[in-house]
C-alpha cells in the first residue's frame, strides 16, 4: 500500500507551478529596532527624571510598548505574487495589466522616484530597503502609469511577476 499525501500540490506535481510565486515582508532590520527602542527608552528616562511612584514606571510602561507597536507597524508591508495578481499590502494588481517589469538597484530607484517621477504613480517605498521594482502598466482605464515597490530581492520579484503574467491564461 503506497502512502498518500494530504497536500494536493505534492500529490499532483502539475499543480505546483500554478501555486508558485513570490512573497516577502518589508520588515525593519535589527538595527532600526535597536535604535527605535533605544530612543523610546531614552525618552522614558528623560520623563522619569528620578521621580517616584507612578512617575517612576509609567513612562517606560507607555513608551516602550508604543515603540514596539510603531516599529512593527512600519514593517507590516507584504509583497507577493500569487495566482494572477501582484499584491502589495492591500493593493492588488491583476497581472494581465503588466506591460513590463524592471528590477532597480538603489541608484535606479532614486532616479525613478526623483524629480522626473510621475505624480500618478503608485509608490510603496521603504528607505531601509535599497532595491525596488518598477511595474509598467498597460491599462487604458487606469491613469496610473507604473508601480514602484521596494524589494530586498528585486530581480527575483521581477522574474516572478513576469513568469506569473506569462503563465496567466488569456487576456480579458
N, C-alpha and C. Protein backbone atom coordinates (compact mmCIF):
# COMPACT_ATOMS: atom_id res chain seq x y z
N UNK A 1 0.84 -1.17 0.00
CA UNK A 1 0.00 0.00 0.00
C UNK A 1 0.89 1.24 0.00
N UNK A 2 0.71 2.11 -0.97
CA UNK A 2 1.53 3.32 -1.10
C UNK A 2 0.97 4.41 -0.20
N UNK A 3 1.84 5.17 0.46
CA UNK A 3 1.36 6.26 1.31
C UNK A 3 0.75 7.36 0.45
N UNK A 4 -0.28 8.00 0.96
CA UNK A 4 -0.93 9.11 0.25
C UNK A 4 -0.55 10.41 0.92
N UNK A 5 -0.48 11.43 0.15
CA UNK A 5 -0.11 12.74 0.66
C UNK A 5 -1.36 13.60 0.81
N UNK A 6 -1.56 14.23 1.96
CA UNK A 6 -2.73 15.07 2.12
C UNK A 6 -2.62 16.39 1.37
N UNK A 7 -1.42 16.78 0.98
CA UNK A 7 -1.23 18.04 0.28
C UNK A 7 -1.44 17.83 -1.22
N UNK A 8 -2.45 18.50 -1.83
CA UNK A 8 -2.69 18.30 -3.26
C UNK A 8 -1.53 18.77 -4.13
N UNK A 9 -0.75 19.74 -3.69
CA UNK A 9 0.39 20.20 -4.50
C UNK A 9 1.46 19.14 -4.59
N UNK A 10 1.59 18.32 -3.54
CA UNK A 10 2.57 17.24 -3.57
C UNK A 10 2.02 16.06 -4.36
N UNK A 11 0.73 15.80 -4.23
CA UNK A 11 0.11 14.68 -4.92
C UNK A 11 0.07 14.92 -6.42
N UNK A 12 -0.10 16.16 -6.85
CA UNK A 12 -0.19 16.48 -8.26
C UNK A 12 0.93 17.46 -8.61
N UNK A 13 2.04 17.00 -9.15
CA UNK A 13 3.15 17.90 -9.47
C UNK A 13 2.78 18.99 -10.45
N UNK A 14 1.78 18.78 -11.29
CA UNK A 14 1.38 19.80 -12.25
C UNK A 14 0.73 20.99 -11.56
N UNK A 15 0.20 20.80 -10.33
CA UNK A 15 -0.44 21.90 -9.61
C UNK A 15 0.59 22.83 -8.98
N UNK A 16 1.80 22.38 -8.76
CA UNK A 16 2.82 23.18 -8.07
C UNK A 16 3.19 24.45 -8.84
N UNK A 17 3.43 24.43 -10.16
CA UNK A 17 3.79 25.67 -10.83
C UNK A 17 2.69 26.73 -10.78
N UNK A 18 1.43 26.33 -10.76
CA UNK A 18 0.35 27.30 -10.71
C UNK A 18 0.36 28.04 -9.37
N UNK A 19 0.82 27.37 -8.30
CA UNK A 19 0.85 28.00 -6.99
C UNK A 19 2.18 28.70 -6.71
N UNK A 20 3.17 28.48 -7.58
CA UNK A 20 4.47 29.09 -7.35
C UNK A 20 4.33 30.59 -7.44
N UNK A 21 5.08 31.29 -6.64
CA UNK A 21 5.00 32.75 -6.65
C UNK A 21 6.15 33.33 -5.87
N UNK A 22 5.89 34.45 -5.28
CA UNK A 22 6.92 35.17 -4.54
C UNK A 22 6.24 35.85 -3.36
N UNK A 23 6.93 35.91 -2.24
CA UNK A 23 6.40 36.61 -1.07
C UNK A 23 7.55 37.13 -0.23
N UNK A 24 7.40 38.34 0.26
CA UNK A 24 8.38 38.91 1.18
C UNK A 24 7.68 39.96 2.03
N UNK A 25 8.26 40.22 3.17
CA UNK A 25 7.76 41.24 4.08
C UNK A 25 8.84 42.30 4.21
N UNK A 26 8.45 43.56 4.09
CA UNK A 26 9.40 44.66 4.14
C UNK A 26 9.62 45.10 5.59
N UNK A 27 10.06 44.16 6.41
CA UNK A 27 10.26 44.44 7.83
C UNK A 27 11.53 45.26 8.05
N UNK A 28 11.59 45.86 9.22
CA UNK A 28 12.74 46.67 9.58
C UNK A 28 13.93 45.79 9.92
N UNK A 29 15.15 46.25 9.62
CA UNK A 29 16.34 45.50 10.03
C UNK A 29 16.53 45.62 11.54
N UNK A 30 17.33 44.73 12.09
CA UNK A 30 17.51 44.67 13.53
C UNK A 30 18.03 45.97 14.10
N UNK A 31 18.90 46.65 13.38
CA UNK A 31 19.50 47.87 13.91
C UNK A 31 18.49 49.00 14.04
N UNK A 32 17.45 49.03 13.19
CA UNK A 32 16.40 50.04 13.35
C UNK A 32 15.52 49.72 14.56
N UNK A 33 15.30 48.43 14.82
CA UNK A 33 14.57 48.05 16.04
C UNK A 33 15.36 48.51 17.27
N UNK A 34 16.65 48.24 17.25
CA UNK A 34 17.50 48.63 18.37
C UNK A 34 17.49 50.14 18.57
N UNK A 35 17.63 50.91 17.50
CA UNK A 35 17.63 52.37 17.58
C UNK A 35 16.28 52.90 18.06
N UNK A 36 15.19 52.35 17.54
CA UNK A 36 13.86 52.82 17.93
C UNK A 36 13.54 52.56 19.39
N UNK A 37 13.87 51.38 19.86
CA UNK A 37 13.63 51.05 21.27
C UNK A 37 14.59 51.86 22.15
N UNK A 38 15.80 52.07 21.69
CA UNK A 38 16.75 52.89 22.44
C UNK A 38 16.27 54.33 22.59
N UNK A 39 15.74 54.90 21.51
CA UNK A 39 15.22 56.27 21.58
C UNK A 39 14.01 56.33 22.52
N UNK A 40 13.12 55.33 22.46
CA UNK A 40 11.96 55.31 23.36
C UNK A 40 12.41 55.18 24.81
N UNK A 41 13.41 54.34 25.07
CA UNK A 41 13.92 54.19 26.44
C UNK A 41 14.57 55.48 26.93
N UNK A 42 15.31 56.16 26.05
CA UNK A 42 15.93 57.43 26.42
C UNK A 42 14.87 58.48 26.73
N UNK A 43 13.83 58.54 25.94
CA UNK A 43 12.74 59.47 26.19
C UNK A 43 12.03 59.15 27.51
N UNK A 44 11.79 57.86 27.76
CA UNK A 44 11.16 57.46 29.02
C UNK A 44 12.06 57.83 30.19
N UNK A 45 13.35 57.66 30.04
CA UNK A 45 14.30 58.02 31.09
C UNK A 45 14.28 59.52 31.36
N UNK A 46 14.17 60.31 30.30
CA UNK A 46 14.08 61.77 30.47
C UNK A 46 12.78 62.17 31.17
N UNK A 47 11.70 61.49 30.88
CA UNK A 47 10.42 61.79 31.55
C UNK A 47 10.43 61.34 33.01
N UNK A 48 11.14 60.30 33.28
CA UNK A 48 11.20 59.77 34.65
C UNK A 48 11.94 60.74 35.56
N UNK A 49 13.17 61.11 35.21
CA UNK A 49 14.00 62.07 35.95
C UNK A 49 14.01 61.84 37.45
N UNK A 50 14.08 60.59 37.87
CA UNK A 50 14.21 60.27 39.29
C UNK A 50 12.93 60.36 40.10
N UNK A 51 11.79 60.45 39.40
CA UNK A 51 10.52 60.54 40.11
C UNK A 51 10.20 59.25 40.84
N UNK A 52 9.23 59.31 41.72
CA UNK A 52 8.81 58.13 42.49
C UNK A 52 7.35 57.82 42.19
N UNK A 53 6.91 56.67 42.62
CA UNK A 53 5.52 56.26 42.44
C UNK A 53 5.22 55.97 40.98
N UNK A 54 4.07 56.46 40.53
CA UNK A 54 3.63 56.23 39.15
C UNK A 54 4.61 56.86 38.16
N UNK A 55 5.16 57.99 38.51
CA UNK A 55 6.09 58.68 37.61
C UNK A 55 7.35 57.87 37.37
N UNK A 56 7.64 56.90 38.20
CA UNK A 56 8.84 56.07 38.04
C UNK A 56 8.66 55.03 36.95
N UNK A 57 7.51 54.44 36.79
CA UNK A 57 7.32 53.34 35.84
C UNK A 57 6.42 53.69 34.66
N UNK A 58 5.56 54.69 34.77
CA UNK A 58 4.60 55.00 33.71
C UNK A 58 5.26 55.35 32.37
N UNK A 59 6.30 56.18 32.32
CA UNK A 59 6.90 56.47 31.01
C UNK A 59 7.43 55.21 30.31
N UNK A 60 8.01 54.30 31.07
CA UNK A 60 8.53 53.06 30.49
C UNK A 60 7.39 52.15 30.04
N UNK A 61 6.34 52.07 30.85
CA UNK A 61 5.21 51.19 30.55
C UNK A 61 4.42 51.68 29.34
N UNK A 62 4.49 52.95 29.05
CA UNK A 62 3.75 53.50 27.91
C UNK A 62 4.63 53.59 26.66
N UNK A 63 5.81 54.17 26.79
CA UNK A 63 6.63 54.46 25.61
C UNK A 63 7.28 53.23 24.99
N UNK A 64 7.73 52.29 25.77
CA UNK A 64 8.38 51.10 25.19
C UNK A 64 7.40 50.24 24.39
N UNK A 65 6.20 49.93 24.93
CA UNK A 65 5.24 49.19 24.08
C UNK A 65 4.80 49.98 22.85
N UNK A 66 4.64 51.30 22.99
CA UNK A 66 4.29 52.12 21.82
C UNK A 66 5.38 52.07 20.75
N UNK A 67 6.63 52.06 21.18
CA UNK A 67 7.74 51.97 20.22
C UNK A 67 7.71 50.63 19.50
N UNK A 68 7.47 49.55 20.23
CA UNK A 68 7.41 48.22 19.61
C UNK A 68 6.26 48.15 18.61
N UNK A 69 5.09 48.67 18.98
CA UNK A 69 3.94 48.66 18.07
C UNK A 69 4.22 49.52 16.85
N UNK A 70 4.80 50.69 17.05
CA UNK A 70 5.11 51.58 15.93
C UNK A 70 6.12 50.98 14.98
N UNK A 71 7.16 50.36 15.50
CA UNK A 71 8.17 49.72 14.65
C UNK A 71 7.58 48.52 13.90
N UNK A 72 6.73 47.77 14.58
CA UNK A 72 6.05 46.65 13.91
C UNK A 72 5.15 47.14 12.79
N UNK A 73 4.48 48.26 13.02
CA UNK A 73 3.59 48.82 12.00
C UNK A 73 4.39 49.28 10.78
N UNK A 74 5.56 49.85 11.00
CA UNK A 74 6.39 50.29 9.89
C UNK A 74 6.85 49.12 9.00
N UNK A 75 7.01 47.95 9.59
CA UNK A 75 7.47 46.80 8.83
C UNK A 75 6.37 45.83 8.45
N UNK A 76 5.13 46.29 8.37
CA UNK A 76 4.00 45.41 8.11
C UNK A 76 3.77 45.09 6.64
N UNK A 77 4.33 45.84 5.73
CA UNK A 77 4.03 45.72 4.30
C UNK A 77 4.49 44.36 3.78
N UNK A 78 3.59 43.68 3.10
CA UNK A 78 3.88 42.40 2.45
C UNK A 78 3.76 42.55 0.94
N UNK A 79 4.72 41.97 0.24
CA UNK A 79 4.74 42.00 -1.22
C UNK A 79 4.65 40.55 -1.67
N UNK A 80 3.72 40.25 -2.59
CA UNK A 80 3.55 38.87 -3.03
C UNK A 80 3.07 38.81 -4.48
N UNK A 81 3.41 37.71 -5.12
CA UNK A 81 2.88 37.38 -6.44
C UNK A 81 2.20 36.03 -6.27
N UNK A 82 0.88 36.03 -6.41
CA UNK A 82 0.10 34.79 -6.23
C UNK A 82 -0.93 34.69 -7.33
N UNK A 83 -1.06 33.49 -7.84
CA UNK A 83 -2.03 33.19 -8.89
C UNK A 83 -1.88 34.20 -10.03
N UNK A 84 -2.84 35.08 -10.21
CA UNK A 84 -2.76 36.04 -11.30
C UNK A 84 -2.77 37.48 -10.80
N UNK A 85 -2.20 37.71 -9.59
CA UNK A 85 -2.19 39.04 -9.01
C UNK A 85 -0.83 39.38 -8.39
N UNK A 86 -0.52 40.66 -8.41
CA UNK A 86 0.62 41.21 -7.71
C UNK A 86 0.04 41.97 -6.52
N UNK A 87 0.40 41.55 -5.32
CA UNK A 87 -0.18 42.12 -4.11
C UNK A 87 0.87 42.91 -3.34
N UNK A 88 0.52 44.14 -3.00
CA UNK A 88 1.38 44.99 -2.17
C UNK A 88 0.48 45.54 -1.07
N UNK A 89 0.66 45.01 0.13
CA UNK A 89 -0.18 45.35 1.27
C UNK A 89 -1.64 45.06 0.87
N UNK A 90 -2.50 46.06 0.82
CA UNK A 90 -3.90 45.84 0.44
C UNK A 90 -4.16 46.05 -1.05
N UNK A 91 -3.18 46.57 -1.78
CA UNK A 91 -3.35 46.85 -3.20
C UNK A 91 -3.17 45.57 -4.01
N UNK A 92 -4.00 45.42 -5.03
CA UNK A 92 -3.95 44.24 -5.90
C UNK A 92 -3.87 44.69 -7.36
N UNK A 93 -2.95 44.11 -8.07
CA UNK A 93 -2.78 44.41 -9.48
C UNK A 93 -2.94 43.13 -10.28
N UNK A 94 -4.00 43.02 -11.08
CA UNK A 94 -4.11 41.84 -11.96
C UNK A 94 -2.94 41.84 -12.95
N UNK A 95 -2.31 40.69 -13.10
CA UNK A 95 -1.11 40.60 -13.93
C UNK A 95 -1.37 40.80 -15.41
N UNK A 96 -2.61 40.72 -15.83
CA UNK A 96 -2.90 40.94 -17.25
C UNK A 96 -2.64 42.39 -17.67
N UNK A 97 -2.54 43.31 -16.69
CA UNK A 97 -2.27 44.71 -16.99
C UNK A 97 -0.79 45.07 -16.92
N UNK A 98 0.06 44.10 -16.67
CA UNK A 98 1.50 44.36 -16.57
C UNK A 98 2.12 44.32 -17.96
N UNK A 99 2.72 45.44 -18.36
CA UNK A 99 3.39 45.51 -19.65
C UNK A 99 4.85 45.08 -19.52
N UNK A 100 5.52 45.56 -18.48
CA UNK A 100 6.93 45.24 -18.29
C UNK A 100 7.29 45.44 -16.83
N UNK A 101 8.37 44.80 -16.42
CA UNK A 101 8.86 44.92 -15.04
C UNK A 101 10.36 45.16 -15.10
N UNK A 102 10.82 46.15 -14.34
CA UNK A 102 12.24 46.47 -14.28
C UNK A 102 12.72 46.33 -12.84
N UNK A 103 13.79 45.58 -12.65
CA UNK A 103 14.42 45.49 -11.33
C UNK A 103 15.34 46.69 -11.17
N UNK A 104 15.23 47.37 -10.03
CA UNK A 104 16.00 48.59 -9.79
C UNK A 104 16.93 48.42 -8.59
N UNK A 105 18.17 48.90 -8.74
CA UNK A 105 19.07 48.96 -7.59
C UNK A 105 18.83 50.31 -6.92
N UNK A 106 19.65 50.68 -5.94
CA UNK A 106 19.45 51.92 -5.19
C UNK A 106 19.50 53.14 -6.12
N UNK A 107 20.46 53.16 -7.06
CA UNK A 107 20.57 54.31 -7.96
C UNK A 107 19.38 54.39 -8.91
N UNK A 108 18.93 53.24 -9.41
CA UNK A 108 17.76 53.22 -10.29
C UNK A 108 16.49 53.65 -9.58
N UNK A 109 16.34 53.21 -8.33
CA UNK A 109 15.17 53.62 -7.55
C UNK A 109 15.18 55.12 -7.32
N UNK A 110 16.35 55.67 -7.00
CA UNK A 110 16.47 57.10 -6.77
C UNK A 110 16.11 57.88 -8.04
N UNK A 111 16.51 57.36 -9.20
CA UNK A 111 16.20 58.04 -10.46
C UNK A 111 14.70 57.98 -10.77
N UNK A 112 14.10 56.82 -10.56
CA UNK A 112 12.67 56.66 -10.86
C UNK A 112 11.80 57.49 -9.92
N UNK A 113 12.24 57.63 -8.66
CA UNK A 113 11.46 58.38 -7.69
C UNK A 113 11.91 59.84 -7.57
N UNK A 114 12.81 60.26 -8.42
CA UNK A 114 13.37 61.60 -8.35
C UNK A 114 12.48 62.66 -8.96
N UNK A 115 13.12 63.70 -9.47
CA UNK A 115 12.42 64.88 -9.98
C UNK A 115 11.48 64.53 -11.14
N UNK A 116 11.86 63.59 -11.97
CA UNK A 116 11.05 63.25 -13.13
C UNK A 116 9.96 62.22 -12.87
N UNK A 117 9.71 61.89 -11.61
CA UNK A 117 8.70 60.88 -11.28
C UNK A 117 7.30 61.35 -11.67
N UNK A 118 6.50 60.43 -12.11
CA UNK A 118 5.11 60.73 -12.45
C UNK A 118 4.30 60.83 -11.17
N UNK A 119 3.56 61.92 -10.95
CA UNK A 119 2.78 62.06 -9.72
C UNK A 119 1.62 61.07 -9.61
N UNK A 120 1.25 60.43 -10.70
CA UNK A 120 0.15 59.46 -10.65
C UNK A 120 0.64 58.04 -10.38
N UNK A 121 1.94 57.86 -10.23
CA UNK A 121 2.50 56.53 -9.99
C UNK A 121 2.10 56.03 -8.61
N UNK A 122 1.95 54.71 -8.49
CA UNK A 122 1.68 54.07 -7.21
C UNK A 122 3.03 53.68 -6.62
N UNK A 123 3.35 54.21 -5.42
CA UNK A 123 4.67 54.01 -4.84
C UNK A 123 4.54 53.47 -3.42
N UNK A 124 5.21 52.36 -3.17
CA UNK A 124 5.38 51.83 -1.81
C UNK A 124 6.88 51.69 -1.63
N UNK A 125 7.46 52.69 -0.97
CA UNK A 125 8.91 52.77 -0.86
C UNK A 125 9.28 52.76 0.61
N UNK A 126 10.24 51.92 0.95
CA UNK A 126 10.79 51.85 2.31
C UNK A 126 12.26 52.21 2.24
N UNK A 127 12.68 53.27 2.94
CA UNK A 127 14.06 53.74 2.81
C UNK A 127 15.11 52.74 3.27
N UNK A 128 14.75 51.80 4.13
CA UNK A 128 15.73 50.81 4.61
C UNK A 128 15.88 49.64 3.66
N UNK A 129 15.13 49.62 2.57
CA UNK A 129 15.25 48.58 1.54
C UNK A 129 15.82 49.25 0.30
N UNK A 130 17.01 48.80 -0.13
CA UNK A 130 17.69 49.52 -1.21
C UNK A 130 17.14 49.22 -2.60
N UNK A 131 16.63 48.03 -2.84
CA UNK A 131 16.16 47.67 -4.17
C UNK A 131 14.68 47.95 -4.35
N UNK A 132 14.23 47.87 -5.60
CA UNK A 132 12.82 48.08 -5.92
C UNK A 132 12.53 47.48 -7.29
N UNK A 133 11.27 47.40 -7.61
CA UNK A 133 10.85 47.04 -8.96
C UNK A 133 9.94 48.13 -9.49
N UNK A 134 10.01 48.35 -10.78
CA UNK A 134 9.10 49.26 -11.45
C UNK A 134 8.23 48.40 -12.37
N UNK A 135 6.94 48.41 -12.10
CA UNK A 135 5.99 47.62 -12.89
C UNK A 135 5.25 48.59 -13.80
N UNK A 136 5.53 48.51 -15.09
CA UNK A 136 4.90 49.38 -16.08
C UNK A 136 3.55 48.78 -16.45
N UNK A 137 2.51 49.63 -16.42
CA UNK A 137 1.14 49.14 -16.65
C UNK A 137 0.67 49.42 -18.06
N UNK A 138 -0.26 48.58 -18.51
CA UNK A 138 -0.90 48.73 -19.80
C UNK A 138 -2.40 48.57 -19.59
N UNK A 139 -3.02 49.61 -18.99
CA UNK A 139 -4.45 49.60 -18.71
C UNK A 139 -5.02 50.95 -19.12
N UNK A 140 -5.71 51.02 -20.25
CA UNK A 140 -6.22 52.32 -20.72
C UNK A 140 -7.23 52.95 -19.76
N UNK A 141 -7.88 52.16 -18.92
CA UNK A 141 -8.87 52.69 -17.99
C UNK A 141 -8.25 53.24 -16.70
N UNK A 142 -6.96 53.01 -16.48
CA UNK A 142 -6.30 53.41 -15.25
C UNK A 142 -5.26 54.49 -15.56
N UNK A 143 -5.33 55.65 -14.89
CA UNK A 143 -4.34 56.70 -15.15
C UNK A 143 -2.96 56.42 -14.54
N UNK A 144 -2.84 55.39 -13.71
CA UNK A 144 -1.56 55.06 -13.08
C UNK A 144 -0.62 54.48 -14.12
N UNK A 145 0.52 55.15 -14.39
CA UNK A 145 1.43 54.66 -15.43
C UNK A 145 2.28 53.48 -14.98
N UNK A 146 2.65 53.46 -13.69
CA UNK A 146 3.52 52.38 -13.19
C UNK A 146 3.43 52.31 -11.68
N UNK A 147 3.89 51.17 -11.16
CA UNK A 147 4.05 50.96 -9.72
C UNK A 147 5.55 50.89 -9.43
N UNK A 148 5.96 51.47 -8.32
CA UNK A 148 7.33 51.32 -7.82
C UNK A 148 7.20 50.75 -6.42
N UNK A 149 7.76 49.56 -6.21
CA UNK A 149 7.61 48.85 -4.94
C UNK A 149 8.99 48.42 -4.46
N UNK A 150 9.30 48.72 -3.20
CA UNK A 150 10.56 48.30 -2.61
C UNK A 150 10.62 46.78 -2.51
N UNK A 151 11.82 46.24 -2.67
CA UNK A 151 12.02 44.80 -2.55
C UNK A 151 13.48 44.52 -2.22
N UNK A 152 13.69 43.58 -1.32
CA UNK A 152 15.06 43.17 -0.99
C UNK A 152 15.67 42.32 -2.10
N UNK A 153 14.82 41.70 -2.90
CA UNK A 153 15.27 40.84 -4.00
C UNK A 153 14.54 41.27 -5.28
N UNK A 154 14.88 42.43 -5.85
CA UNK A 154 14.13 42.94 -6.99
C UNK A 154 14.20 42.07 -8.24
N UNK A 155 15.32 41.41 -8.47
CA UNK A 155 15.43 40.56 -9.66
C UNK A 155 14.49 39.36 -9.54
N UNK A 156 14.49 38.72 -8.38
CA UNK A 156 13.59 37.57 -8.17
C UNK A 156 12.13 38.00 -8.25
N UNK A 157 11.79 39.16 -7.69
CA UNK A 157 10.41 39.65 -7.76
C UNK A 157 10.02 39.94 -9.20
N UNK A 158 10.89 40.60 -9.96
CA UNK A 158 10.59 40.90 -11.37
C UNK A 158 10.39 39.61 -12.17
N UNK A 159 11.26 38.62 -11.93
CA UNK A 159 11.12 37.34 -12.63
C UNK A 159 9.82 36.65 -12.26
N UNK A 160 9.43 36.72 -10.99
CA UNK A 160 8.18 36.08 -10.54
C UNK A 160 6.97 36.75 -11.16
N UNK A 161 6.99 38.08 -11.26
CA UNK A 161 5.86 38.79 -11.87
C UNK A 161 5.75 38.43 -13.34
N UNK A 162 6.87 38.45 -14.06
CA UNK A 162 6.83 38.14 -15.49
C UNK A 162 6.44 36.68 -15.74
N UNK A 163 6.94 35.77 -14.89
CA UNK A 163 6.58 34.36 -15.06
C UNK A 163 5.11 34.13 -14.79
N UNK A 164 4.58 34.76 -13.75
CA UNK A 164 3.15 34.60 -13.43
C UNK A 164 2.29 35.25 -14.49
N UNK A 165 2.73 36.40 -15.02
CA UNK A 165 1.98 37.05 -16.10
C UNK A 165 1.93 36.18 -17.34
N UNK A 166 3.09 35.59 -17.69
CA UNK A 166 3.14 34.75 -18.89
C UNK A 166 2.38 33.45 -18.71
N UNK A 167 2.23 33.00 -17.47
CA UNK A 167 1.50 31.77 -17.19
C UNK A 167 0.00 31.99 -17.07
N UNK A 168 -0.43 33.27 -16.99
CA UNK A 168 -1.84 33.58 -16.86
C UNK A 168 -2.54 33.29 -18.18
N UNK A 169 -3.57 32.42 -18.17
CA UNK A 169 -4.24 32.07 -19.42
C UNK A 169 -5.12 33.21 -19.91
N UNK A 170 -4.91 33.60 -21.15
CA UNK A 170 -5.78 34.56 -21.85
C UNK A 170 -5.73 35.95 -21.26
N UNK A 171 -5.97 36.94 -22.09
CA UNK A 171 -6.08 38.34 -21.66
C UNK A 171 -7.52 38.75 -21.84
N UNK A 172 -8.15 39.13 -20.72
CA UNK A 172 -9.56 39.54 -20.81
C UNK A 172 -9.68 41.02 -20.71
